[in-house]
PDB file of N, CA and C in Angstrom:
ATOM      1  N   MET A   1       0.840  -1.178   0.000  1.00  0.00           N
ATOM      2  CA  MET A   1       0.000   0.000   0.000  1.00  0.00           C
ATOM      3  C   MET A   1       0.880   1.235   0.000  1.00  0.00           C
ATOM      4  N   GLU A   2       0.831   1.950  -1.085  1.00  0.00           N
ATOM      5  CA  GLU A   2       1.609   3.183  -1.160  1.00  0.00           C
ATOM      6  C   GLU A   2       0.690   4.381  -1.236  1.00  0.00           C
ATOM      7  N   ASN A   3       1.277   5.538  -1.061  1.00  0.00           N
ATOM      8  CA  ASN A   3       0.573   6.806  -1.152  1.00  0.00           C
ATOM      9  C   ASN A   3      -0.535   6.967  -0.134  1.00  0.00           C
ATOM     10  N   LEU A   4      -0.328   6.434   1.061  1.00  0.00           N
ATOM     11  CA  LEU A   4      -1.266   6.656   2.146  1.00  0.00           C
ATOM     12  C   LEU A   4      -1.052   8.048   2.719  1.00  0.00           C
ATOM     13  N   ASN A   5      -2.107   8.613   3.239  1.00  0.00           N
ATOM     14  CA  ASN A   5      -2.035   9.870   3.965  1.00  0.00           C
ATOM     15  C   ASN A   5      -2.006   9.497   5.445  1.00  0.00           C
ATOM     16  N   ILE A   6      -0.830   9.617   6.081  1.00  0.00           N
ATOM     17  CA  ILE A   6      -0.620   9.152   7.454  1.00  0.00           C
ATOM     18  C   ILE A   6      -0.473  10.332   8.399  1.00  0.00           C
ATOM     19  N   LEU A   7      -1.204  10.273   9.503  1.00  0.00           N
ATOM     20  CA  LEU A   7      -1.034  11.243  10.582  1.00  0.00           C
ATOM     21  C   LEU A   7      -0.260  10.565  11.702  1.00  0.00           C
ATOM     22  N   LEU A   8       0.851  11.163  12.084  1.00  0.00           N
ATOM     23  CA  LEU A   8       1.704  10.668  13.165  1.00  0.00           C
ATOM     24  C   LEU A   8       1.590  11.637  14.328  1.00  0.00           C
ATOM     25  N   ILE A   9       1.153  11.131  15.477  1.00  0.00           N
ATOM     26  CA  ILE A   9       1.011  11.956  16.677  1.00  0.00           C
ATOM     27  C   ILE A   9       1.984  11.425  17.722  1.00  0.00           C
ATOM     28  N   ASP A  10       3.042  12.191  17.987  1.00  0.00           N
ATOM     29  CA  ASP A  10       4.067  11.766  18.943  1.00  0.00           C
ATOM     30  C   ASP A  10       4.772  12.999  19.484  1.00  0.00           C
ATOM     31  N   ASP A  11       4.965  13.053  20.786  1.00  0.00           N
ATOM     32  CA  ASP A  11       5.594  14.231  21.393  1.00  0.00           C
ATOM     33  C   ASP A  11       7.109  14.236  21.238  1.00  0.00           C
ATOM     34  N   GLU A  12       7.709  13.132  20.833  1.00  0.00           N
ATOM     35  CA  GLU A  12       9.164  13.063  20.701  1.00  0.00           C
ATOM     36  C   GLU A  12       9.601  13.432  19.281  1.00  0.00           C
ATOM     37  N   LYS A  13      10.389  14.489  19.196  1.00  0.00           N
ATOM     38  CA  LYS A  13      10.844  15.000  17.893  1.00  0.00           C
ATOM     39  C   LYS A  13      11.608  13.947  17.095  1.00  0.00           C
ATOM     40  N   ASP A  14      12.507  13.217  17.761  1.00  0.00           N
ATOM     41  CA  ASP A  14      13.312  12.215  17.051  1.00  0.00           C
ATOM     42  C   ASP A  14      12.448  11.091  16.488  1.00  0.00           C
ATOM     43  N   ILE A  15      11.446  10.674  17.236  1.00  0.00           N
ATOM     44  CA  ILE A  15      10.533   9.629  16.753  1.00  0.00           C
ATOM     45  C   ILE A  15       9.789  10.143  15.519  1.00  0.00           C
ATOM     46  N   ARG A  16       9.287  11.374  15.587  1.00  0.00           N
ATOM     47  CA  ARG A  16       8.570  11.940  14.432  1.00  0.00           C
ATOM     48  C   ARG A  16       9.472  11.990  13.207  1.00  0.00           C
ATOM     49  N   ARG A  17      10.709  12.398  13.400  1.00  0.00           N
ATOM     50  CA  ARG A  17      11.643  12.528  12.278  1.00  0.00           C
ATOM     51  C   ARG A  17      11.954  11.165  11.650  1.00  0.00           C
ATOM     52  N   VAL A  18      12.295  10.185  12.473  1.00  0.00           N
ATOM     53  CA  VAL A  18      12.660   8.860  11.970  1.00  0.00           C
ATOM     54  C   VAL A  18      11.452   8.176  11.324  1.00  0.00           C
ATOM     55  N   ALA A  19      10.304   8.261  11.975  1.00  0.00           N
ATOM     56  CA  ALA A  19       9.095   7.646  11.410  1.00  0.00           C
ATOM     57  C   ALA A  19       8.720   8.313  10.091  1.00  0.00           C
ATOM     58  N   ASP A  20       8.823   9.618  10.034  1.00  0.00           N
ATOM     59  CA  ASP A  20       8.512  10.348   8.801  1.00  0.00           C
ATOM     60  C   ASP A  20       9.425   9.886   7.667  1.00  0.00           C
ATOM     61  N   LEU A  21      10.719   9.786   7.942  1.00  0.00           N
ATOM     62  CA  LEU A  21      11.659   9.328   6.913  1.00  0.00           C
ATOM     63  C   LEU A  21      11.311   7.922   6.435  1.00  0.00           C
ATOM     64  N   SER A  22      11.034   7.020   7.371  1.00  0.00           N
ATOM     65  CA  SER A  22      10.700   5.647   7.008  1.00  0.00           C
ATOM     66  C   SER A  22       9.429   5.593   6.177  1.00  0.00           C
ATOM     67  N   LEU A  23       8.416   6.270   6.635  1.00  0.00           N
ATOM     68  CA  LEU A  23       7.112   6.189   5.969  1.00  0.00           C
ATOM     69  C   LEU A  23       7.087   6.918   4.637  1.00  0.00           C
ATOM     70  N   SER A  24       7.756   8.048   4.552  1.00  0.00           N
ATOM     71  CA  SER A  24       7.706   8.819   3.301  1.00  0.00           C
ATOM     72  C   SER A  24       8.737   8.331   2.279  1.00  0.00           C
ATOM     73  N   ARG A  25       9.977   8.183   2.701  1.00  0.00           N
ATOM     74  CA  ARG A  25      11.018   7.795   1.734  1.00  0.00           C
ATOM     75  C   ARG A  25      10.970   6.320   1.364  1.00  0.00           C
ATOM     76  N   LEU A  26      10.810   5.458   2.353  1.00  0.00           N
ATOM     77  CA  LEU A  26      10.788   4.023   2.070  1.00  0.00           C
ATOM     78  C   LEU A  26       9.404   3.532   1.669  1.00  0.00           C
ATOM     79  N   GLY A  27       8.381   4.119   2.247  1.00  0.00           N
ATOM     80  CA  GLY A  27       7.024   3.645   1.996  1.00  0.00           C
ATOM     81  C   GLY A  27       6.260   4.421   0.938  1.00  0.00           C
ATOM     82  N   GLY A  28       6.740   5.609   0.578  1.00  0.00           N
ATOM     83  CA  GLY A  28       6.060   6.411  -0.422  1.00  0.00           C
ATOM     84  C   GLY A  28       4.781   7.074   0.069  1.00  0.00           C
ATOM     85  N   HIS A  29       4.679   7.264   1.390  1.00  0.00           N
ATOM     86  CA  HIS A  29       3.461   7.830   1.963  1.00  0.00           C
ATOM     87  C   HIS A  29       3.617   9.327   2.231  1.00  0.00           C
ATOM     88  N   ARG A  30       2.479  10.003   2.353  1.00  0.00           N
ATOM     89  CA  ARG A  30       2.458  11.404   2.776  1.00  0.00           C
ATOM     90  C   ARG A  30       2.266  11.400   4.287  1.00  0.00           C
ATOM     91  N   VAL A  31       3.164  12.051   5.003  1.00  0.00           N
ATOM     92  CA  VAL A  31       3.126  12.034   6.463  1.00  0.00           C
ATOM     93  C   VAL A  31       2.931  13.448   6.985  1.00  0.00           C
ATOM     94  N   THR A  32       1.968  13.577   7.874  1.00  0.00           N
ATOM     95  CA  THR A  32       1.786  14.801   8.644  1.00  0.00           C
ATOM     96  C   THR A  32       2.111  14.424  10.076  1.00  0.00           C
ATOM     97  N   ALA A  33       3.123  15.067  10.648  1.00  0.00           N
ATOM     98  CA  ALA A  33       3.561  14.736  12.001  1.00  0.00           C
ATOM     99  C   ALA A  33       3.272  15.907  12.938  1.00  0.00           C
ATOM    100  N   VAL A  34       2.631  15.603  14.057  1.00  0.00           N
ATOM    101  CA  VAL A  34       2.313  16.627  15.056  1.00  0.00           C
ATOM    102  C   VAL A  34       2.803  16.165  16.423  1.00  0.00           C
ATOM    103  N   SER A  35       2.964  17.120  17.345  1.00  0.00           N
ATOM    104  CA  SER A  35       3.644  16.821  18.597  1.00  0.00           C
ATOM    105  C   SER A  35       2.747  16.717  19.829  1.00  0.00           C
ATOM    106  N   SER A  36       1.429  16.874  19.677  1.00  0.00           N
ATOM    107  CA  SER A  36       0.556  16.778  20.851  1.00  0.00           C
ATOM    108  C   SER A  36      -0.781  16.150  20.480  1.00  0.00           C
ATOM    109  N   GLY A  37      -1.437  15.631  21.490  1.00  0.00           N
ATOM    110  CA  GLY A  37      -2.742  15.033  21.285  1.00  0.00           C
ATOM    111  C   GLY A  37      -3.763  16.025  20.766  1.00  0.00           C
ATOM    112  N   GLU A  38      -3.763  17.219  21.349  1.00  0.00           N
ATOM    113  CA  GLU A  38      -4.717  18.242  20.931  1.00  0.00           C
ATOM    114  C   GLU A  38      -4.519  18.604  19.461  1.00  0.00           C
ATOM    115  N   GLU A  39      -3.266  18.801  19.074  1.00  0.00           N
ATOM    116  CA  GLU A  39      -2.956  19.119  17.678  1.00  0.00           C
ATOM    117  C   GLU A  39      -3.317  17.946  16.769  1.00  0.00           C
ATOM    118  N   GLY A  40      -3.118  16.735  17.253  1.00  0.00           N
ATOM    119  CA  GLY A  40      -3.456  15.548  16.488  1.00  0.00           C
ATOM    120  C   GLY A  40      -4.944  15.456  16.196  1.00  0.00           C
ATOM    121  N   ILE A  41      -5.763  15.761  17.180  1.00  0.00           N
ATOM    122  CA  ILE A  41      -7.220  15.729  16.991  1.00  0.00           C
ATOM    123  C   ILE A  41      -7.638  16.759  15.952  1.00  0.00           C
ATOM    124  N   ARG A  42      -7.139  17.974  16.095  1.00  0.00           N
ATOM    125  CA  ARG A  42      -7.474  19.029  15.112  1.00  0.00           C
ATOM    126  C   ARG A  42      -7.026  18.643  13.702  1.00  0.00           C
ATOM    127  N   THR A  43      -5.823  18.099  13.603  1.00  0.00           N
ATOM    128  CA  THR A  43      -5.278  17.730  12.298  1.00  0.00           C
ATOM    129  C   THR A  43      -6.057  16.571  11.690  1.00  0.00           C
ATOM    130  N   ALA A  44      -6.442  15.603  12.500  1.00  0.00           N
ATOM    131  CA  ALA A  44      -7.223  14.469  11.996  1.00  0.00           C
ATOM    132  C   ALA A  44      -8.537  14.945  11.387  1.00  0.00           C
ATOM    133  N   VAL A  45      -9.176  15.892  12.028  1.00  0.00           N
ATOM    134  CA  VAL A  45     -10.431  16.444  11.507  1.00  0.00           C
ATOM    135  C   VAL A  45     -10.177  17.184  10.196  1.00  0.00           C
ATOM    136  N   ASP A  46      -9.078  17.923  10.138  1.00  0.00           N
ATOM    137  CA  ASP A  46      -8.758  18.733   8.955  1.00  0.00           C
ATOM    138  C   ASP A  46      -8.379  17.891   7.741  1.00  0.00           C
ATOM    139  N   ILE A  47      -7.502  16.890   7.941  1.00  0.00           N
ATOM    140  CA  ILE A  47      -6.963  16.176   6.774  1.00  0.00           C
ATOM    141  C   ILE A  47      -7.592  14.806   6.538  1.00  0.00           C
ATOM    142  N   LYS A  48      -8.315  14.286   7.522  1.00  0.00           N
ATOM    143  CA  LYS A  48      -8.941  12.961   7.416  1.00  0.00           C
ATOM    144  C   LYS A  48      -7.959  11.932   6.834  1.00  0.00           C
ATOM    145  N   PRO A  49      -6.918  11.578   7.605  1.00  0.00           N
ATOM    146  CA  PRO A  49      -5.881  10.666   7.107  1.00  0.00           C
ATOM    147  C   PRO A  49      -6.422   9.259   6.871  1.00  0.00           C
ATOM    148  N   ASP A  50      -5.657   8.480   6.129  1.00  0.00           N
ATOM    149  CA  ASP A  50      -6.002   7.075   5.902  1.00  0.00           C
ATOM    150  C   ASP A  50      -5.741   6.230   7.145  1.00  0.00           C
ATOM    151  N   ILE A  51      -4.773   6.662   7.954  1.00  0.00           N
ATOM    152  CA  ILE A  51      -4.395   5.938   9.170  1.00  0.00           C
ATOM    153  C   ILE A  51      -3.708   6.914  10.114  1.00  0.00           C
ATOM    154  N   ILE A  52      -3.834   6.628  11.413  1.00  0.00           N
ATOM    155  CA  ILE A  52      -3.185   7.445  12.434  1.00  0.00           C
ATOM    156  C   ILE A  52      -2.245   6.558  13.241  1.00  0.00           C
ATOM    157  N   LEU A  53      -1.000   7.002  13.403  1.00  0.00           N
ATOM    158  CA  LEU A  53      -0.037   6.366  14.300  1.00  0.00           C
ATOM    159  C   LEU A  53       0.014   7.237  15.550  1.00  0.00           C
ATOM    160  N   LEU A  54      -0.320   6.650  16.694  1.00  0.00           N
ATOM    161  CA  LEU A  54      -0.562   7.421  17.909  1.00  0.00           C
ATOM    162  C   LEU A  54       0.307   6.932  19.063  1.00  0.00           C
ATOM    163  N   ASP A  55       1.137   7.828  19.575  1.00  0.00           N
ATOM    164  CA  ASP A  55       1.958   7.532  20.744  1.00  0.00           C
ATOM    165  C   ASP A  55       1.055   7.380  21.962  1.00  0.00           C
ATOM    166  N   VAL A  56       1.395   6.453  22.842  1.00  0.00           N
ATOM    167  CA  VAL A  56       0.596   6.243  24.047  1.00  0.00           C
ATOM    168  C   VAL A  56       0.946   7.262  25.120  1.00  0.00           C
ATOM    169  N   MET A  57       2.236   7.434  25.401  1.00  0.00           N
ATOM    170  CA  MET A  57       2.655   8.284  26.523  1.00  0.00           C
ATOM    171  C   MET A  57       3.030   9.679  26.031  1.00  0.00           C
ATOM    172  N   MET A  58       2.103  10.614  26.224  1.00  0.00           N
ATOM    173  CA  MET A  58       2.338  12.012  25.872  1.00  0.00           C
ATOM    174  C   MET A  58       1.860  12.877  27.028  1.00  0.00           C
ATOM    175  N   PRO A  59       2.470  14.050  27.203  1.00  0.00           N
ATOM    176  CA  PRO A  59       2.016  14.939  28.272  1.00  0.00           C
ATOM    177  C   PRO A  59       0.664  15.578  27.918  1.00  0.00           C
ATOM    178  N   VAL A  60       0.000  16.083  28.902  1.00  0.00           N
ATOM    179  CA  VAL A  60      -1.285  16.779  28.819  1.00  0.00           C
ATOM    180  C   VAL A  60      -2.416  15.829  28.421  1.00  0.00           C
ATOM    181  N   MET A  61      -2.360  15.292  27.217  1.00  0.00           N
ATOM    182  CA  MET A  61      -3.396  14.387  26.735  1.00  0.00           C
ATOM    183  C   MET A  61      -2.706  13.148  26.186  1.00  0.00           C
ATOM    184  N   ASP A  62      -2.857  12.010  26.875  1.00  0.00           N
ATOM    185  CA  ASP A  62      -2.148  10.814  26.420  1.00  0.00           C
ATOM    186  C   ASP A  62      -2.866  10.161  25.243  1.00  0.00           C
ATOM    187  N   GLY A  63      -2.225   9.141  24.684  1.00  0.00           N
ATOM    188  CA  GLY A  63      -2.754   8.495  23.490  1.00  0.00           C
ATOM    189  C   GLY A  63      -4.120   7.869  23.679  1.00  0.00           C
ATOM    190  N   VAL A  64      -4.378   7.305  24.850  1.00  0.00           N
ATOM    191  CA  VAL A  64      -5.684   6.689  25.101  1.00  0.00           C
ATOM    192  C   VAL A  64      -6.776   7.756  25.100  1.00  0.00           C
ATOM    193  N   GLN A  65      -6.505   8.901  25.701  1.00  0.00           N
ATOM    194  CA  GLN A  65      -7.481   9.999  25.691  1.00  0.00           C
ATOM    195  C   GLN A  65      -7.732  10.484  24.260  1.00  0.00           C
ATOM    196  N   VAL A  66      -6.664  10.636  23.487  1.00  0.00           N
ATOM    197  CA  VAL A  66      -6.793  11.063  22.091  1.00  0.00           C
ATOM    198  C   VAL A  66      -7.607  10.039  21.307  1.00  0.00           C
ATOM    199  N   PHE A  67      -7.291   8.774  21.506  1.00  0.00           N
ATOM    200  CA  PHE A  67      -8.005   7.686  20.829  1.00  0.00           C
ATOM    201  C   PHE A  67      -9.504   7.793  21.092  1.00  0.00           C
ATOM    202  N   ARG A  68      -9.874   7.963  22.343  1.00  0.00           N
ATOM    203  CA  ARG A  68     -11.306   8.029  22.704  1.00  0.00           C
ATOM    204  C   ARG A  68     -11.999   9.212  22.039  1.00  0.00           C
ATOM    205  N   VAL A  69     -11.333  10.360  22.010  1.00  0.00           N
ATOM    206  CA  VAL A  69     -11.924  11.530  21.350  1.00  0.00           C
ATOM    207  C   VAL A  69     -12.124  11.246  19.865  1.00  0.00           C
ATOM    208  N   LEU A  70     -11.110  10.687  19.219  1.00  0.00           N
ATOM    209  CA  LEU A  70     -11.195  10.413  17.785  1.00  0.00           C
ATOM    210  C   LEU A  70     -12.286   9.382  17.474  1.00  0.00           C
ATOM    211  N   LYS A  71     -12.401   8.350  18.283  1.00  0.00           N
ATOM    212  CA  LYS A  71     -13.391   7.294  18.037  1.00  0.00           C
ATOM    213  C   LYS A  71     -14.811   7.736  18.386  1.00  0.00           C
ATOM    214  N   ASN A  72     -14.952   8.792  19.187  1.00  0.00           N
ATOM    215  CA  ASN A  72     -16.276   9.306  19.541  1.00  0.00           C
ATOM    216  C   ASN A  72     -16.732  10.443  18.641  1.00  0.00           C
ATOM    217  N   SER A  73     -15.951  10.769  17.636  1.00  0.00           N
ATOM    218  CA  SER A  73     -16.300  11.834  16.696  1.00  0.00           C
ATOM    219  C   SER A  73     -16.772  11.224  15.378  1.00  0.00           C
ATOM    220  N   ASN A  74     -17.895  11.688  14.878  1.00  0.00           N
ATOM    221  CA  ASN A  74     -18.401  11.192  13.595  1.00  0.00           C
ATOM    222  C   ASN A  74     -17.405  11.436  12.462  1.00  0.00           C
ATOM    223  N   THR A  75     -16.619  12.490  12.572  1.00  0.00           N
ATOM    224  CA  THR A  75     -15.668  12.853  11.527  1.00  0.00           C
ATOM    225  C   THR A  75     -14.484  11.901  11.457  1.00  0.00           C
ATOM    226  N   THR A  76     -14.054  11.379  12.606  1.00  0.00           N
ATOM    227  CA  THR A  76     -12.808  10.607  12.659  1.00  0.00           C
ATOM    228  C   THR A  76     -12.985   9.170  13.139  1.00  0.00           C
ATOM    229  N   LYS A  77     -14.183   8.753  13.485  1.00  0.00           N
ATOM    230  CA  LYS A  77     -14.385   7.437  14.115  1.00  0.00           C
ATOM    231  C   LYS A  77     -13.981   6.256  13.244  1.00  0.00           C
ATOM    232  N   ASP A  78     -13.992   6.416  11.921  1.00  0.00           N
ATOM    233  CA  ASP A  78     -13.672   5.297  11.033  1.00  0.00           C
ATOM    234  C   ASP A  78     -12.208   5.248  10.603  1.00  0.00           C
ATOM    235  N   ILE A  79     -11.395   6.179  11.066  1.00  0.00           N
ATOM    236  CA  ILE A  79      -9.976   6.188  10.702  1.00  0.00           C
ATOM    237  C   ILE A  79      -9.249   5.110  11.520  1.00  0.00           C
ATOM    238  N   PRO A  80      -8.550   4.182  10.860  1.00  0.00           N
ATOM    239  CA  PRO A  80      -7.793   3.166  11.606  1.00  0.00           C
ATOM    240  C   PRO A  80      -6.673   3.820  12.423  1.00  0.00           C
ATOM    241  N   ILE A  81      -6.517   3.336  13.659  1.00  0.00           N
ATOM    242  CA  ILE A  81      -5.493   3.883  14.553  1.00  0.00           C
ATOM    243  C   ILE A  81      -4.573   2.761  15.025  1.00  0.00           C
ATOM    244  N   VAL A  82      -3.276   3.043  14.972  1.00  0.00           N
ATOM    245  CA  VAL A  82      -2.250   2.136  15.475  1.00  0.00           C
ATOM    246  C   VAL A  82      -1.542   2.840  16.625  1.00  0.00           C
ATOM    247  N   PHE A  83      -1.491   2.189  17.774  1.00  0.00           N
ATOM    248  CA  PHE A  83      -0.730   2.744  18.884  1.00  0.00           C
ATOM    249  C   PHE A  83       0.743   2.436  18.691  1.00  0.00           C
ATOM    250  N   MET A  84       1.581   3.391  19.078  1.00  0.00           N
ATOM    251  CA  MET A  84       3.032   3.199  19.102  1.00  0.00           C
ATOM    252  C   MET A  84       3.457   3.414  20.551  1.00  0.00           C
ATOM    253  N   THR A  85       4.160   2.424  21.108  1.00  0.00           N
ATOM    254  CA  THR A  85       4.462   2.537  22.529  1.00  0.00           C
ATOM    255  C   THR A  85       5.701   1.770  22.946  1.00  0.00           C
ATOM    256  N   ALA A  86       6.329   2.267  23.990  1.00  0.00           N
ATOM    257  CA  ALA A  86       7.430   1.545  24.622  1.00  0.00           C
ATOM    258  C   ALA A  86       6.880   0.612  25.694  1.00  0.00           C
ATOM    259  N   LYS A  87       5.597   0.748  26.001  1.00  0.00           N
ATOM    260  CA  LYS A  87       4.926  -0.168  26.937  1.00  0.00           C
ATOM    261  C   LYS A  87       4.594  -1.431  26.163  1.00  0.00           C
ATOM    262  N   VAL A  88       5.412  -2.438  26.303  1.00  0.00           N
ATOM    263  CA  VAL A  88       5.270  -3.613  25.447  1.00  0.00           C
ATOM    264  C   VAL A  88       4.682  -4.823  26.170  1.00  0.00           C
ATOM    265  N   GLN A  89       4.007  -4.621  27.262  1.00  0.00           N
ATOM    266  CA  GLN A  89       3.385  -5.730  27.963  1.00  0.00           C
ATOM    267  C   GLN A  89       2.190  -6.240  27.166  1.00  0.00           C
ATOM    268  N   GLN A  90       2.067  -7.550  27.084  1.00  0.00           N
ATOM    269  CA  GLN A  90       0.993  -8.160  26.296  1.00  0.00           C
ATOM    270  C   GLN A  90      -0.390  -7.719  26.762  1.00  0.00           C
ATOM    271  N   ALA A  91      -0.571  -7.574  28.069  1.00  0.00           N
ATOM    272  CA  ALA A  91      -1.887  -7.171  28.592  1.00  0.00           C
ATOM    273  C   ALA A  91      -2.263  -5.781  28.090  1.00  0.00           C
ATOM    274  N   GLU A  92      -1.290  -4.888  28.056  1.00  0.00           N
ATOM    275  CA  GLU A  92      -1.564  -3.535  27.560  1.00  0.00           C
ATOM    276  C   GLU A  92      -1.845  -3.553  26.063  1.00  0.00           C
ATOM    277  N   LYS A  93      -1.090  -4.326  25.316  1.00  0.00           N
ATOM    278  CA  LYS A  93      -1.348  -4.437  23.876  1.00  0.00           C
ATOM    279  C   LYS A  93      -2.759  -4.961  23.629  1.00  0.00           C
ATOM    280  N   ALA A  94      -3.150  -5.985  24.374  1.00  0.00           N
ATOM    281  CA  ALA A  94      -4.496  -6.556  24.224  1.00  0.00           C
ATOM    282  C   ALA A  94      -5.562  -5.517  24.559  1.00  0.00           C
ATOM    283  N   GLU A  95      -5.300  -4.703  25.557  1.00  0.00           N
ATOM    284  CA  GLU A  95      -6.242  -3.649  25.942  1.00  0.00           C
ATOM    285  C   GLU A  95      -6.433  -2.652  24.795  1.00  0.00           C
ATOM    286  N   TYR A  96      -5.343  -2.280  24.128  1.00  0.00           N
ATOM    287  CA  TYR A  96      -5.432  -1.326  23.020  1.00  0.00           C
ATOM    288  C   TYR A  96      -6.222  -1.919  21.849  1.00  0.00           C
ATOM    289  N   ILE A  97      -6.011  -3.190  21.584  1.00  0.00           N
ATOM    290  CA  ILE A  97      -6.751  -3.858  20.510  1.00  0.00           C
ATOM    291  C   ILE A  97      -8.233  -3.957  20.886  1.00  0.00           C
ATOM    292  N   ASP A  98      -8.501  -4.288  22.141  1.00  0.00           N
ATOM    293  CA  ASP A  98      -9.884  -4.366  22.603  1.00  0.00           C
ATOM    294  C   ASP A  98     -10.597  -3.014  22.500  1.00  0.00           C
ATOM    295  N   MET A  99      -9.844  -1.929  22.648  1.00  0.00           N
ATOM    296  CA  MET A  99     -10.424  -0.595  22.524  1.00  0.00           C
ATOM    297  C   MET A  99     -10.843  -0.296  21.082  1.00  0.00           C
ATOM    298  N   GLY A 100     -10.185  -0.982  20.131  1.00  0.00           N
ATOM    299  CA  GLY A 100     -10.507  -0.737  18.728  1.00  0.00           C
ATOM    300  C   GLY A 100      -9.333  -0.341  17.856  1.00  0.00           C
ATOM    301  N   ALA A 101      -8.124  -0.316  18.426  1.00  0.00           N
ATOM    302  CA  ALA A 101      -6.938  -0.052  17.608  1.00  0.00           C
ATOM    303  C   ALA A 101      -6.716  -1.231  16.670  1.00  0.00           C
ATOM    304  N   ILE A 102      -6.171  -0.969  15.478  1.00  0.00           N
ATOM    305  CA  ILE A 102      -5.926  -2.072  14.543  1.00  0.00           C
ATOM    306  C   ILE A 102      -4.586  -2.742  14.800  1.00  0.00           C
ATOM    307  N   GLY A 103      -3.769  -2.158  15.676  1.00  0.00           N
ATOM    308  CA  GLY A 103      -2.489  -2.763  15.986  1.00  0.00           C
ATOM    309  C   GLY A 103      -1.678  -1.928  16.953  1.00  0.00           C
ATOM    310  N   VAL A 104      -0.555  -2.502  17.363  1.00  0.00           N
ATOM    311  CA  VAL A 104       0.378  -1.835  18.259  1.00  0.00           C
ATOM    312  C   VAL A 104       1.778  -2.050  17.706  1.00  0.00           C
ATOM    313  N   ILE A 105       2.522  -0.971  17.555  1.00  0.00           N
ATOM    314  CA  ILE A 105       3.910  -1.040  17.098  1.00  0.00           C
ATOM    315  C   ILE A 105       4.797  -0.679  18.285  1.00  0.00           C
ATOM    316  N   ASP A 106       5.750  -1.572  18.585  1.00  0.00           N
ATOM    317  CA  ASP A 106       6.658  -1.359  19.712  1.00  0.00           C
ATOM    318  C   ASP A 106       7.687  -0.282  19.383  1.00  0.00           C
ATOM    319  N   LYS A 107       7.996   0.509  20.403  1.00  0.00           N
ATOM    320  CA  LYS A 107       9.118   1.439  20.333  1.00  0.00           C
ATOM    321  C   LYS A 107      10.234   0.842  21.178  1.00  0.00           C
ATOM    322  N   PRO A 108      11.456   0.915  20.759  1.00  0.00           N
ATOM    323  CA  PRO A 108      11.865   1.506  19.480  1.00  0.00           C
ATOM    324  C   PRO A 108      11.506   0.582  18.321  1.00  0.00           C
ATOM    325  N   PHE A 109      11.090   1.179  17.238  1.00  0.00           N
ATOM    326  CA  PHE A 109      10.742   0.417  16.045  1.00  0.00           C
ATOM    327  C   PHE A 109      11.922   0.405  15.087  1.00  0.00           C
ATOM    328  N   ASN A 110      11.899  -0.527  14.162  1.00  0.00           N
ATOM    329  CA  ASN A 110      12.939  -0.613  13.142  1.00  0.00           C
ATOM    330  C   ASN A 110      12.551   0.318  11.995  1.00  0.00           C
ATOM    331  N   PRO A 111      13.304   1.388  11.752  1.00  0.00           N
ATOM    332  CA  PRO A 111      12.944   2.333  10.700  1.00  0.00           C
ATOM    333  C   PRO A 111      12.860   1.689   9.313  1.00  0.00           C
ATOM    334  N   MET A 112      13.619   0.622   9.110  1.00  0.00           N
ATOM    335  CA  MET A 112      13.590  -0.037   7.801  1.00  0.00           C
ATOM    336  C   MET A 112      12.323  -0.870   7.618  1.00  0.00           C
ATOM    337  N   GLU A 113      11.613  -1.159   8.704  1.00  0.00           N
ATOM    338  CA  GLU A 113      10.427  -2.010   8.655  1.00  0.00           C
ATOM    339  C   GLU A 113       9.114  -1.288   8.931  1.00  0.00           C
ATOM    340  N   LEU A 114       9.178  -0.070   9.457  1.00  0.00           N
ATOM    341  CA  LEU A 114       7.960   0.617   9.903  1.00  0.00           C
ATOM    342  C   LEU A 114       6.917   0.728   8.800  1.00  0.00           C
ATOM    343  N   HIS A 115       7.337   1.122   7.610  1.00  0.00           N
ATOM    344  CA  HIS A 115       6.358   1.296   6.532  1.00  0.00           C
ATOM    345  C   HIS A 115       5.676  -0.028   6.188  1.00  0.00           C
ATOM    346  N   ARG A 116       6.413  -1.148   6.281  1.00  0.00           N
ATOM    347  CA  ARG A 116       5.819  -2.465   6.018  1.00  0.00           C
ATOM    348  C   ARG A 116       4.863  -2.881   7.132  1.00  0.00           C
ATOM    349  N   GLN A 117       5.229  -2.581   8.366  1.00  0.00           N
ATOM    350  CA  GLN A 117       4.354  -2.894   9.494  1.00  0.00           C
ATOM    351  C   GLN A 117       3.006  -2.181   9.346  1.00  0.00           C
ATOM    352  N   VAL A 118       3.065  -0.912   8.969  1.00  0.00           N
ATOM    353  CA  VAL A 118       1.836  -0.134   8.792  1.00  0.00           C
ATOM    354  C   VAL A 118       0.984  -0.732   7.678  1.00  0.00           C
ATOM    355  N   ALA A 119       1.599  -1.045   6.566  1.00  0.00           N
ATOM    356  CA  ALA A 119       0.867  -1.636   5.430  1.00  0.00           C
ATOM    357  C   ALA A 119       0.250  -2.977   5.828  1.00  0.00           C
ATOM    358  N   ASP A 120       0.986  -3.802   6.564  1.00  0.00           N
ATOM    359  CA  ASP A 120       0.477  -5.101   6.982  1.00  0.00           C
ATOM    360  C   ASP A 120      -0.713  -4.953   7.939  1.00  0.00           C
ATOM    361  N   LEU A 121      -0.641  -3.993   8.843  1.00  0.00           N
ATOM    362  CA  LEU A 121      -1.754  -3.777   9.775  1.00  0.00           C
ATOM    363  C   LEU A 121      -3.000  -3.308   9.038  1.00  0.00           C
ATOM    364  N   LEU A 122      -2.818  -2.454   8.048  1.00  0.00           N
ATOM    365  CA  LEU A 122      -3.981  -1.980   7.282  1.00  0.00           C
ATOM    366  C   LEU A 122      -4.610  -3.113   6.472  1.00  0.00           C
ATOM    367  N   LYS A 123      -3.784  -3.957   5.898  1.00  0.00           N
ATOM    368  CA  LYS A 123      -4.306  -5.088   5.121  1.00  0.00           C
ATOM    369  C   LYS A 123      -5.104  -6.036   6.007  1.00  0.00           C
ATOM    370  N   ALA A 124      -4.624  -6.247   7.230  1.00  0.00           N
ATOM    371  CA  ALA A 124      -5.273  -7.172   8.151  1.00  0.00           C
ATOM    372  C   ALA A 124      -6.539  -6.591   8.781  1.00  0.00           C
ATOM    373  N   ALA A 125      -6.668  -5.271   8.768  1.00  0.00           N
ATOM    374  CA  ALA A 125      -7.810  -4.612   9.441  1.00  0.00           C
ATOM    375  C   ALA A 125      -9.126  -4.863   8.720  1.00  0.00           C
TER     376      ALA A 125
END
C-alpha cells in the first residue's frame, strides 16, 4: 500500500523525524507529524488521514485519551489507529486492541520495517 495519507502523533521530535523518513522515503506515503494530542485531533479532523499512528505516553493528553476523542467523533471514528508505545506488555497491547486499535507497534521500532508494518496492519484490518 503506497501513497497513504498518514497522521503521526508523537511528542518526541526524534521519533517523528525517523518515522517520517521511514514512511515517506521508504514507503512512499504522505506524512503529517504533530507533537501533541490536541494538535493531532485538530489535524485528523482537517486532513482525514487514511491511518493514524498514535503515541501512548504524551504529556497533557495521552494516546488513550486522544483515541477516545477520535473514536467518539463522527468525523474521525472510522480512521484506523495504530498505537506506538514503549509499553510492550501483552496485557496492555491486548487492551489497546480491545479498545478498537488495529495494531500496536513497539518502540523503538525498526525504521527499515515501519512502513511495512503499517501496510500489513492496514491489510489485516
